[in-house]
Amino acid sequence: MRDDKTIEDAKIATPNRDPISGAPGAHPVGVGVGAAAGGMAAGAAVGTVAGPVGMAVGAAVGAVVGGLAGKGVAEAIDPTAELAYWRENYASRDYVHPARAFEDYAPAYDYGVRSYRAERSFDDLEPDLAGRWDSVRGNSDLEWNDARPAVRDAWERVGGRGDRGI
């Protein structure tokens, strides 16, 4: 059982900092996902009425609006608070092996939190999540089948379907 604070655990516990200003609360993934979704939706909607030029204008406007919406969703999720919750509660989960430390599961919880997408289900994205597990697992020696329940647990908690009692 490991009880040392790993480098991966230290990375997880840091706040999301804006790469330019250093201010906490930067959510480039949320903004990017929202911008892409908003741009496509608005561009398609305007394009059907105003043609190709209207589609380009609609995409630009939609990207801005979508980016702001994506940032709002991402800001509602605090990875540091989620990690603190799991540190206190992981041992009560039935999938946790009693000989394993929190540090073994921490990358899986973090992956579930950071991968959450309100517009997609865990089941829809699971093949992609499984395929990327080896590149995000850090020092965890959990294989995907062992990490999967923790990833899903964190995903569902962030999505409001899991245990919200802090």
N, C-alpha and C. Protein backbone atom coordinates (compact mmCIF):
# COMPACT_ATOMS: atom_id res chain seq x y z
N MET A 1 0.85 -1.18 0.00
CA MET A 1 0.00 0.00 0.00
C MET A 1 0.90 1.24 0.00
N ARG A 2 0.64 2.17 -0.91
CA ARG A 2 1.44 3.39 -0.97
C ARG A 2 0.76 4.48 -0.17
N ASP A 3 1.56 5.22 0.61
CA ASP A 3 0.97 6.36 1.32
C ASP A 3 1.71 7.66 1.00
N ASP A 4 2.69 7.60 0.07
CA ASP A 4 3.39 8.83 -0.31
C ASP A 4 2.57 9.63 -1.31
N LYS A 5 2.78 10.96 -1.30
CA LYS A 5 2.06 11.83 -2.24
C LYS A 5 2.80 11.76 -3.57
N THR A 6 2.15 11.23 -4.57
CA THR A 6 2.79 11.04 -5.87
C THR A 6 2.78 12.33 -6.68
N ILE A 7 3.61 12.38 -7.69
CA ILE A 7 3.65 13.53 -8.59
C ILE A 7 2.30 13.69 -9.27
N GLU A 8 1.71 12.58 -9.67
CA GLU A 8 0.41 12.64 -10.33
C GLU A 8 -0.65 13.22 -9.40
N ASP A 9 -0.62 12.82 -8.14
CA ASP A 9 -1.57 13.34 -7.16
C ASP A 9 -1.38 14.85 -7.00
N ALA A 10 -0.14 15.29 -6.99
CA ALA A 10 0.14 16.72 -6.85
C ALA A 10 -0.39 17.49 -8.05
N LYS A 11 -0.27 16.91 -9.27
CA LYS A 11 -0.79 17.56 -10.46
C LYS A 11 -2.30 17.68 -10.39
N ILE A 12 -2.96 16.65 -9.88
CA ILE A 12 -4.41 16.64 -9.81
C ILE A 12 -4.90 17.71 -8.85
N ALA A 13 -4.19 17.94 -7.76
CA ALA A 13 -4.66 18.84 -6.71
C ALA A 13 -4.47 20.32 -7.03
N THR A 14 -3.81 20.65 -8.13
CA THR A 14 -3.60 22.06 -8.45
C THR A 14 -4.83 22.65 -9.13
N PRO A 15 -5.12 23.94 -8.88
CA PRO A 15 -6.29 24.56 -9.51
C PRO A 15 -6.04 24.76 -11.00
N ASN A 16 -7.11 24.89 -11.75
CA ASN A 16 -7.00 25.17 -13.19
C ASN A 16 -6.56 26.61 -13.36
N ARG A 17 -5.33 26.83 -13.81
CA ARG A 17 -4.78 28.17 -13.97
C ARG A 17 -4.85 28.59 -15.42
N ASP A 18 -5.21 29.86 -15.65
CA ASP A 18 -5.19 30.43 -16.98
C ASP A 18 -3.75 30.47 -17.45
N PRO A 19 -3.46 29.96 -18.66
CA PRO A 19 -2.07 29.91 -19.11
C PRO A 19 -1.43 31.28 -19.32
N ILE A 20 -2.22 32.32 -19.48
CA ILE A 20 -1.67 33.66 -19.71
C ILE A 20 -1.59 34.45 -18.41
N SER A 21 -2.73 34.55 -17.70
CA SER A 21 -2.76 35.39 -16.50
C SER A 21 -2.36 34.65 -15.23
N GLY A 22 -2.45 33.31 -15.24
CA GLY A 22 -2.16 32.54 -14.04
C GLY A 22 -3.34 32.49 -13.07
N ALA A 23 -4.45 33.14 -13.39
CA ALA A 23 -5.61 33.15 -12.51
C ALA A 23 -6.26 31.78 -12.46
N PRO A 24 -6.75 31.36 -11.28
CA PRO A 24 -7.44 30.07 -11.22
C PRO A 24 -8.77 30.15 -11.95
N GLY A 25 -9.25 28.99 -12.36
CA GLY A 25 -10.57 28.93 -13.00
C GLY A 25 -10.54 28.87 -14.51
N ALA A 26 -9.38 28.59 -15.11
CA ALA A 26 -9.31 28.46 -16.56
C ALA A 26 -9.83 27.08 -16.96
N HIS A 27 -10.63 27.04 -17.99
CA HIS A 27 -11.21 25.77 -18.43
C HIS A 27 -11.15 25.69 -19.95
N PRO A 28 -9.94 25.55 -20.51
CA PRO A 28 -9.81 25.57 -21.97
C PRO A 28 -10.55 24.43 -22.65
N VAL A 29 -10.64 23.27 -22.02
CA VAL A 29 -11.35 22.16 -22.65
C VAL A 29 -12.84 22.46 -22.72
N GLY A 30 -13.40 22.93 -21.61
CA GLY A 30 -14.82 23.27 -21.61
C GLY A 30 -15.15 24.35 -22.61
N VAL A 31 -14.29 25.37 -22.67
CA VAL A 31 -14.51 26.45 -23.63
C VAL A 31 -14.41 25.91 -25.05
N GLY A 32 -13.41 25.10 -25.31
CA GLY A 32 -13.21 24.56 -26.66
C GLY A 32 -14.36 23.68 -27.10
N VAL A 33 -14.81 22.80 -26.22
CA VAL A 33 -15.93 21.92 -26.55
C VAL A 33 -17.19 22.75 -26.81
N GLY A 34 -17.44 23.72 -25.94
CA GLY A 34 -18.62 24.57 -26.13
C GLY A 34 -18.52 25.38 -27.40
N ALA A 35 -17.34 25.91 -27.70
CA ALA A 35 -17.16 26.71 -28.91
C ALA A 35 -17.38 25.87 -30.16
N ALA A 36 -16.84 24.67 -30.17
CA ALA A 36 -17.00 23.81 -31.34
C ALA A 36 -18.46 23.44 -31.54
N ALA A 37 -19.12 23.04 -30.47
CA ALA A 37 -20.53 22.65 -30.57
C ALA A 37 -21.40 23.85 -30.97
N GLY A 38 -21.18 24.99 -30.33
CA GLY A 38 -21.96 26.18 -30.65
C GLY A 38 -21.73 26.65 -32.07
N GLY A 39 -20.48 26.62 -32.51
CA GLY A 39 -20.16 27.05 -33.88
C GLY A 39 -20.82 26.18 -34.92
N MET A 40 -20.78 24.88 -34.71
CA MET A 40 -21.40 23.98 -35.69
C MET A 40 -22.91 24.17 -35.72
N ALA A 41 -23.52 24.24 -34.54
CA ALA A 41 -24.98 24.37 -34.48
C ALA A 41 -25.45 25.68 -35.09
N ALA A 42 -24.83 26.79 -34.68
CA ALA A 42 -25.25 28.09 -35.19
C ALA A 42 -24.93 28.22 -36.67
N GLY A 43 -23.79 27.73 -37.10
CA GLY A 43 -23.42 27.80 -38.51
C GLY A 43 -24.39 27.03 -39.38
N ALA A 44 -24.78 25.86 -38.93
CA ALA A 44 -25.73 25.06 -39.69
C ALA A 44 -27.09 25.75 -39.75
N ALA A 45 -27.52 26.31 -38.62
CA ALA A 45 -28.83 26.96 -38.57
C ALA A 45 -28.87 28.18 -39.49
N VAL A 46 -27.85 29.03 -39.38
CA VAL A 46 -27.83 30.24 -40.20
C VAL A 46 -27.59 29.88 -41.66
N GLY A 47 -26.77 28.90 -41.90
CA GLY A 47 -26.44 28.50 -43.27
C GLY A 47 -27.63 28.01 -44.05
N THR A 48 -28.57 27.38 -43.39
CA THR A 48 -29.75 26.91 -44.10
C THR A 48 -30.61 28.07 -44.59
N VAL A 49 -30.50 29.21 -43.94
CA VAL A 49 -31.29 30.38 -44.32
C VAL A 49 -30.49 31.31 -45.23
N ALA A 50 -29.23 31.58 -44.88
CA ALA A 50 -28.47 32.62 -45.57
C ALA A 50 -27.36 32.10 -46.47
N GLY A 51 -27.22 30.83 -46.66
CA GLY A 51 -26.20 30.29 -47.55
C GLY A 51 -24.83 30.24 -46.90
N PRO A 52 -23.77 30.02 -47.72
CA PRO A 52 -22.42 29.82 -47.19
C PRO A 52 -21.87 30.98 -46.36
N VAL A 53 -22.11 32.23 -46.79
CA VAL A 53 -21.61 33.37 -46.02
C VAL A 53 -22.32 33.42 -44.67
N GLY A 54 -23.61 33.22 -44.68
CA GLY A 54 -24.37 33.19 -43.44
C GLY A 54 -23.91 32.06 -42.53
N MET A 55 -23.51 30.94 -43.13
CA MET A 55 -23.02 29.83 -42.35
C MET A 55 -21.73 30.20 -41.63
N ALA A 56 -20.84 30.90 -42.31
CA ALA A 56 -19.57 31.31 -41.68
C ALA A 56 -19.81 32.29 -40.55
N VAL A 57 -20.69 33.26 -40.77
CA VAL A 57 -21.01 34.23 -39.71
C VAL A 57 -21.68 33.52 -38.54
N GLY A 58 -22.61 32.64 -38.84
CA GLY A 58 -23.29 31.88 -37.78
C GLY A 58 -22.32 31.03 -36.99
N ALA A 59 -21.34 30.43 -37.66
CA ALA A 59 -20.35 29.62 -36.96
C ALA A 59 -19.51 30.47 -36.01
N ALA A 60 -19.12 31.66 -36.44
CA ALA A 60 -18.32 32.54 -35.59
C ALA A 60 -19.10 32.97 -34.36
N VAL A 61 -20.33 33.40 -34.55
CA VAL A 61 -21.17 33.82 -33.42
C VAL A 61 -21.45 32.63 -32.51
N GLY A 62 -21.77 31.51 -33.10
CA GLY A 62 -22.05 30.31 -32.31
C GLY A 62 -20.84 29.85 -31.52
N ALA A 63 -19.65 30.01 -32.08
CA ALA A 63 -18.43 29.61 -31.36
C ALA A 63 -18.24 30.45 -30.11
N VAL A 64 -18.49 31.74 -30.21
CA VAL A 64 -18.35 32.62 -29.04
C VAL A 64 -19.37 32.25 -27.97
N VAL A 65 -20.62 32.12 -28.38
CA VAL A 65 -21.68 31.79 -27.42
C VAL A 65 -21.44 30.40 -26.84
N GLY A 66 -21.10 29.45 -27.69
CA GLY A 66 -20.83 28.09 -27.23
C GLY A 66 -19.63 28.03 -26.30
N GLY A 67 -18.60 28.81 -26.60
CA GLY A 67 -17.42 28.86 -25.73
C GLY A 67 -17.76 29.35 -24.34
N LEU A 68 -18.59 30.38 -24.28
CA LEU A 68 -19.02 30.90 -22.97
C LEU A 68 -19.85 29.87 -22.22
N ALA A 69 -20.72 29.16 -22.93
CA ALA A 69 -21.53 28.13 -22.28
C ALA A 69 -20.64 26.99 -21.80
N GLY A 70 -19.68 26.57 -22.62
CA GLY A 70 -18.77 25.50 -22.24
C GLY A 70 -17.94 25.88 -21.03
N LYS A 71 -17.50 27.13 -20.96
CA LYS A 71 -16.73 27.61 -19.81
C LYS A 71 -17.59 27.57 -18.55
N GLY A 72 -18.87 27.94 -18.69
CA GLY A 72 -19.78 27.90 -17.54
C GLY A 72 -19.94 26.50 -17.00
N VAL A 73 -20.10 25.52 -17.88
CA VAL A 73 -20.24 24.13 -17.44
C VAL A 73 -18.95 23.67 -16.78
N ALA A 74 -17.81 23.98 -17.39
CA ALA A 74 -16.53 23.54 -16.84
C ALA A 74 -16.25 24.18 -15.48
N GLU A 75 -16.65 25.45 -15.31
CA GLU A 75 -16.42 26.12 -14.03
C GLU A 75 -17.29 25.56 -12.92
N ALA A 76 -18.38 24.92 -13.28
CA ALA A 76 -19.24 24.32 -12.27
C ALA A 76 -18.61 23.07 -11.66
N ILE A 77 -17.58 22.56 -12.29
CA ILE A 77 -16.88 21.36 -11.82
C ILE A 77 -15.53 21.79 -11.26
N ASP A 78 -15.31 21.51 -10.00
CA ASP A 78 -14.04 21.85 -9.34
C ASP A 78 -13.25 20.56 -9.12
N PRO A 79 -12.28 20.26 -10.00
CA PRO A 79 -11.52 19.02 -9.87
C PRO A 79 -10.84 18.86 -8.51
N THR A 80 -10.41 19.97 -7.91
CA THR A 80 -9.75 19.89 -6.60
C THR A 80 -10.74 19.44 -5.53
N ALA A 81 -11.95 19.99 -5.55
CA ALA A 81 -12.97 19.58 -4.58
C ALA A 81 -13.40 18.14 -4.83
N GLU A 82 -13.49 17.75 -6.09
CA GLU A 82 -13.86 16.37 -6.40
C GLU A 82 -12.81 15.40 -5.88
N LEU A 83 -11.54 15.74 -6.07
CA LEU A 83 -10.47 14.88 -5.58
C LEU A 83 -10.52 14.76 -4.06
N ALA A 84 -10.80 15.85 -3.38
CA ALA A 84 -10.92 15.82 -1.92
C ALA A 84 -12.07 14.90 -1.50
N TYR A 85 -13.19 14.98 -2.22
CA TYR A 85 -14.32 14.10 -1.93
C TYR A 85 -13.91 12.64 -2.06
N TRP A 86 -13.26 12.29 -3.17
CA TRP A 86 -12.89 10.90 -3.40
C TRP A 86 -11.83 10.43 -2.41
N ARG A 87 -10.93 11.30 -2.01
CA ARG A 87 -9.92 10.92 -1.00
C ARG A 87 -10.60 10.46 0.29
N GLU A 88 -11.68 11.15 0.65
CA GLU A 88 -12.42 10.81 1.88
C GLU A 88 -13.35 9.61 1.71
N ASN A 89 -13.80 9.34 0.49
CA ASN A 89 -14.87 8.36 0.29
C ASN A 89 -14.51 7.14 -0.55
N TYR A 90 -13.34 7.10 -1.15
CA TYR A 90 -13.03 6.00 -2.06
C TYR A 90 -13.10 4.63 -1.39
N ALA A 91 -12.65 4.55 -0.15
CA ALA A 91 -12.56 3.24 0.52
C ALA A 91 -13.93 2.60 0.74
N SER A 92 -14.99 3.37 0.70
CA SER A 92 -16.33 2.82 0.92
C SER A 92 -16.94 2.20 -0.35
N ARG A 93 -16.27 2.34 -1.47
CA ARG A 93 -16.81 1.84 -2.73
C ARG A 93 -16.54 0.34 -2.84
N ASP A 94 -17.52 -0.40 -3.36
CA ASP A 94 -17.38 -1.85 -3.43
C ASP A 94 -16.34 -2.33 -4.44
N TYR A 95 -15.96 -1.51 -5.39
CA TYR A 95 -14.96 -1.89 -6.39
C TYR A 95 -13.52 -1.69 -5.89
N VAL A 96 -13.34 -1.02 -4.77
CA VAL A 96 -12.00 -0.72 -4.27
C VAL A 96 -11.43 -1.93 -3.55
N HIS A 97 -10.25 -2.33 -3.97
CA HIS A 97 -9.55 -3.44 -3.32
C HIS A 97 -8.95 -2.92 -2.02
N PRO A 98 -9.18 -3.63 -0.90
CA PRO A 98 -8.73 -3.11 0.40
C PRO A 98 -7.21 -2.89 0.52
N ALA A 99 -6.43 -3.57 -0.29
CA ALA A 99 -4.97 -3.40 -0.23
C ALA A 99 -4.48 -2.22 -1.06
N ARG A 100 -5.37 -1.56 -1.74
CA ARG A 100 -4.97 -0.44 -2.59
C ARG A 100 -5.16 0.89 -1.88
N ALA A 101 -4.24 1.81 -2.15
CA ALA A 101 -4.29 3.16 -1.57
C ALA A 101 -5.07 4.09 -2.49
N PHE A 102 -5.45 5.23 -1.94
CA PHE A 102 -6.16 6.24 -2.73
C PHE A 102 -5.37 6.61 -3.98
N GLU A 103 -4.05 6.71 -3.87
CA GLU A 103 -3.21 7.11 -5.00
C GLU A 103 -3.35 6.17 -6.20
N ASP A 104 -3.74 4.92 -5.95
CA ASP A 104 -3.98 4.00 -7.06
C ASP A 104 -5.22 4.40 -7.86
N TYR A 105 -6.22 4.93 -7.16
CA TYR A 105 -7.49 5.28 -7.79
C TYR A 105 -7.58 6.76 -8.20
N ALA A 106 -6.74 7.61 -7.63
CA ALA A 106 -6.82 9.05 -7.88
C ALA A 106 -6.82 9.40 -9.37
N PRO A 107 -5.93 8.81 -10.19
CA PRO A 107 -5.98 9.16 -11.62
C PRO A 107 -7.30 8.75 -12.29
N ALA A 108 -7.92 7.67 -11.83
CA ALA A 108 -9.19 7.23 -12.40
C ALA A 108 -10.30 8.22 -12.04
N TYR A 109 -10.33 8.67 -10.78
CA TYR A 109 -11.33 9.66 -10.39
C TYR A 109 -11.13 10.97 -11.16
N ASP A 110 -9.90 11.40 -11.25
CA ASP A 110 -9.59 12.63 -11.98
C ASP A 110 -10.00 12.50 -13.45
N TYR A 111 -9.72 11.37 -14.04
CA TYR A 111 -10.07 11.12 -15.44
C TYR A 111 -11.59 11.19 -15.63
N GLY A 112 -12.34 10.62 -14.72
CA GLY A 112 -13.79 10.67 -14.80
C GLY A 112 -14.33 12.08 -14.69
N VAL A 113 -13.76 12.87 -13.77
CA VAL A 113 -14.19 14.25 -13.59
C VAL A 113 -13.85 15.07 -14.83
N ARG A 114 -12.63 14.98 -15.29
CA ARG A 114 -12.18 15.82 -16.40
C ARG A 114 -12.73 15.39 -17.75
N SER A 115 -13.18 14.15 -17.86
CA SER A 115 -13.72 13.66 -19.14
C SER A 115 -15.22 13.84 -19.26
N TYR A 116 -15.88 14.24 -18.18
CA TYR A 116 -17.34 14.34 -18.19
C TYR A 116 -17.84 15.28 -19.28
N ARG A 117 -18.84 14.84 -20.01
CA ARG A 117 -19.49 15.63 -21.05
C ARG A 117 -20.99 15.47 -20.85
N ALA A 118 -21.67 16.56 -20.56
CA ALA A 118 -23.11 16.52 -20.29
C ALA A 118 -23.90 16.00 -21.49
N GLU A 119 -23.39 16.27 -22.68
CA GLU A 119 -24.13 15.91 -23.88
C GLU A 119 -23.89 14.47 -24.33
N ARG A 120 -23.03 13.75 -23.65
CA ARG A 120 -22.71 12.36 -24.03
C ARG A 120 -22.84 11.46 -22.81
N SER A 121 -23.13 10.21 -23.04
CA SER A 121 -23.20 9.26 -21.93
C SER A 121 -21.84 8.59 -21.75
N PHE A 122 -21.61 8.09 -20.55
CA PHE A 122 -20.38 7.36 -20.27
C PHE A 122 -20.28 6.17 -21.23
N ASP A 123 -21.38 5.46 -21.41
CA ASP A 123 -21.36 4.27 -22.27
C ASP A 123 -20.96 4.63 -23.70
N ASP A 124 -21.42 5.78 -24.19
CA ASP A 124 -21.05 6.21 -25.55
C ASP A 124 -19.56 6.48 -25.67
N LEU A 125 -18.98 7.08 -24.65
CA LEU A 125 -17.57 7.48 -24.70
C LEU A 125 -16.61 6.43 -24.15
N GLU A 126 -17.14 5.38 -23.54
CA GLU A 126 -16.25 4.41 -22.89
C GLU A 126 -15.16 3.85 -23.80
N PRO A 127 -15.43 3.49 -25.04
CA PRO A 127 -14.33 2.99 -25.87
C PRO A 127 -13.18 3.99 -26.00
N ASP A 128 -13.50 5.28 -26.14
CA ASP A 128 -12.45 6.31 -26.22
C ASP A 128 -11.74 6.45 -24.88
N LEU A 129 -12.50 6.44 -23.79
CA LEU A 129 -11.91 6.56 -22.46
C LEU A 129 -10.96 5.39 -22.20
N ALA A 130 -11.40 4.20 -22.53
CA ALA A 130 -10.57 3.01 -22.34
C ALA A 130 -9.28 3.11 -23.16
N GLY A 131 -9.41 3.59 -24.39
CA GLY A 131 -8.25 3.70 -25.27
C GLY A 131 -7.22 4.71 -24.80
N ARG A 132 -7.66 5.72 -24.07
CA ARG A 132 -6.73 6.75 -23.57
C ARG A 132 -6.24 6.49 -22.16
N TRP A 133 -6.78 5.49 -21.47
CA TRP A 133 -6.44 5.25 -20.07
C TRP A 133 -4.93 5.14 -19.87
N ASP A 134 -4.24 4.38 -20.71
CA ASP A 134 -2.79 4.20 -20.52
C ASP A 134 -2.02 5.51 -20.58
N SER A 135 -2.51 6.49 -21.31
CA SER A 135 -1.79 7.76 -21.42
C SER A 135 -2.13 8.73 -20.29
N VAL A 136 -3.18 8.47 -19.50
CA VAL A 136 -3.57 9.38 -18.42
C VAL A 136 -3.44 8.77 -17.03
N ARG A 137 -3.08 7.51 -16.95
CA ARG A 137 -3.08 6.79 -15.67
C ARG A 137 -1.96 7.19 -14.72
N GLY A 138 -0.96 7.88 -15.22
CA GLY A 138 0.14 8.30 -14.34
C GLY A 138 0.81 7.12 -13.67
N ASN A 139 0.93 7.17 -12.35
CA ASN A 139 1.60 6.11 -11.59
C ASN A 139 0.67 4.97 -11.18
N SER A 140 -0.59 5.06 -11.53
CA SER A 140 -1.53 4.00 -11.17
C SER A 140 -1.24 2.75 -11.98
N ASP A 141 -1.22 1.62 -11.30
CA ASP A 141 -1.01 0.36 -12.02
C ASP A 141 -2.34 -0.36 -12.30
N LEU A 142 -3.46 0.35 -12.12
CA LEU A 142 -4.76 -0.23 -12.44
C LEU A 142 -4.91 -0.40 -13.94
N GLU A 143 -5.37 -1.56 -14.35
CA GLU A 143 -5.74 -1.76 -15.75
C GLU A 143 -7.13 -1.15 -15.94
N TRP A 144 -7.53 -0.95 -17.19
CA TRP A 144 -8.80 -0.28 -17.46
C TRP A 144 -9.97 -0.95 -16.73
N ASN A 145 -10.05 -2.27 -16.76
CA ASN A 145 -11.18 -2.95 -16.13
C ASN A 145 -11.27 -2.68 -14.63
N ASP A 146 -10.14 -2.44 -13.99
CA ASP A 146 -10.14 -2.10 -12.56
C ASP A 146 -10.37 -0.61 -12.34
N ALA A 147 -9.92 0.22 -13.26
CA ALA A 147 -10.10 1.68 -13.14
C ALA A 147 -11.49 2.12 -13.58
N ARG A 148 -12.09 1.39 -14.49
CA ARG A 148 -13.38 1.76 -15.09
C ARG A 148 -14.45 2.12 -14.06
N PRO A 149 -14.67 1.31 -13.01
CA PRO A 149 -15.72 1.68 -12.06
C PRO A 149 -15.47 3.02 -11.36
N ALA A 150 -14.21 3.33 -11.08
CA ALA A 150 -13.88 4.60 -10.43
C ALA A 150 -14.08 5.76 -11.41
N VAL A 151 -13.68 5.57 -12.66
CA VAL A 151 -13.88 6.60 -13.68
C VAL A 151 -15.37 6.88 -13.83
N ARG A 152 -16.14 5.82 -13.93
CA ARG A 152 -17.59 5.99 -14.09
C ARG A 152 -18.23 6.62 -12.84
N ASP A 153 -17.77 6.21 -11.67
CA ASP A 153 -18.30 6.75 -10.42
C ASP A 153 -18.09 8.28 -10.37
N ALA A 154 -16.88 8.71 -10.72
CA ALA A 154 -16.58 10.16 -10.72
C ALA A 154 -17.39 10.87 -11.80
N TRP A 155 -17.50 10.26 -12.97
CA TRP A 155 -18.29 10.82 -14.08
C TRP A 155 -19.73 11.04 -13.63
N GLU A 156 -20.32 10.02 -13.03
CA GLU A 156 -21.72 10.11 -12.62
C GLU A 156 -21.92 11.10 -11.47
N ARG A 157 -20.95 11.19 -10.59
CA ARG A 157 -21.06 12.18 -9.50
C ARG A 157 -21.07 13.60 -10.07
N VAL A 158 -20.17 13.88 -10.99
CA VAL A 158 -20.11 15.21 -11.61
C VAL A 158 -21.39 15.50 -12.38
N GLY A 159 -21.95 14.47 -13.01
CA GLY A 159 -23.17 14.64 -13.79
C GLY A 159 -24.43 14.68 -12.94
N GLY A 160 -24.27 14.57 -11.62
CA GLY A 160 -25.42 14.67 -10.74
C GLY A 160 -26.20 13.39 -10.55
N ARG A 161 -25.67 12.28 -11.10
CA ARG A 161 -26.36 11.02 -10.97
C ARG A 161 -25.75 10.16 -9.87
N GLY A 162 -24.58 10.58 -9.37
CA GLY A 162 -23.92 9.80 -8.34
C GLY A 162 -24.12 10.40 -6.97
N ASP A 163 -23.38 9.90 -6.00
CA ASP A 163 -23.46 10.36 -4.61
C ASP A 163 -22.99 11.79 -4.51
N ARG A 164 -23.86 12.71 -4.09
CA ARG A 164 -23.50 14.13 -3.98
C ARG A 164 -23.31 14.56 -2.54
N GLY A 165 -23.44 13.66 -1.60
CA GLY A 165 -23.30 14.07 -0.20
C GLY A 165 -21.86 14.30 0.19
N ILE A 166 -21.51 15.54 0.39
CA ILE A 166 -20.13 15.87 0.81
C ILE A 166 -20.15 16.19 2.28
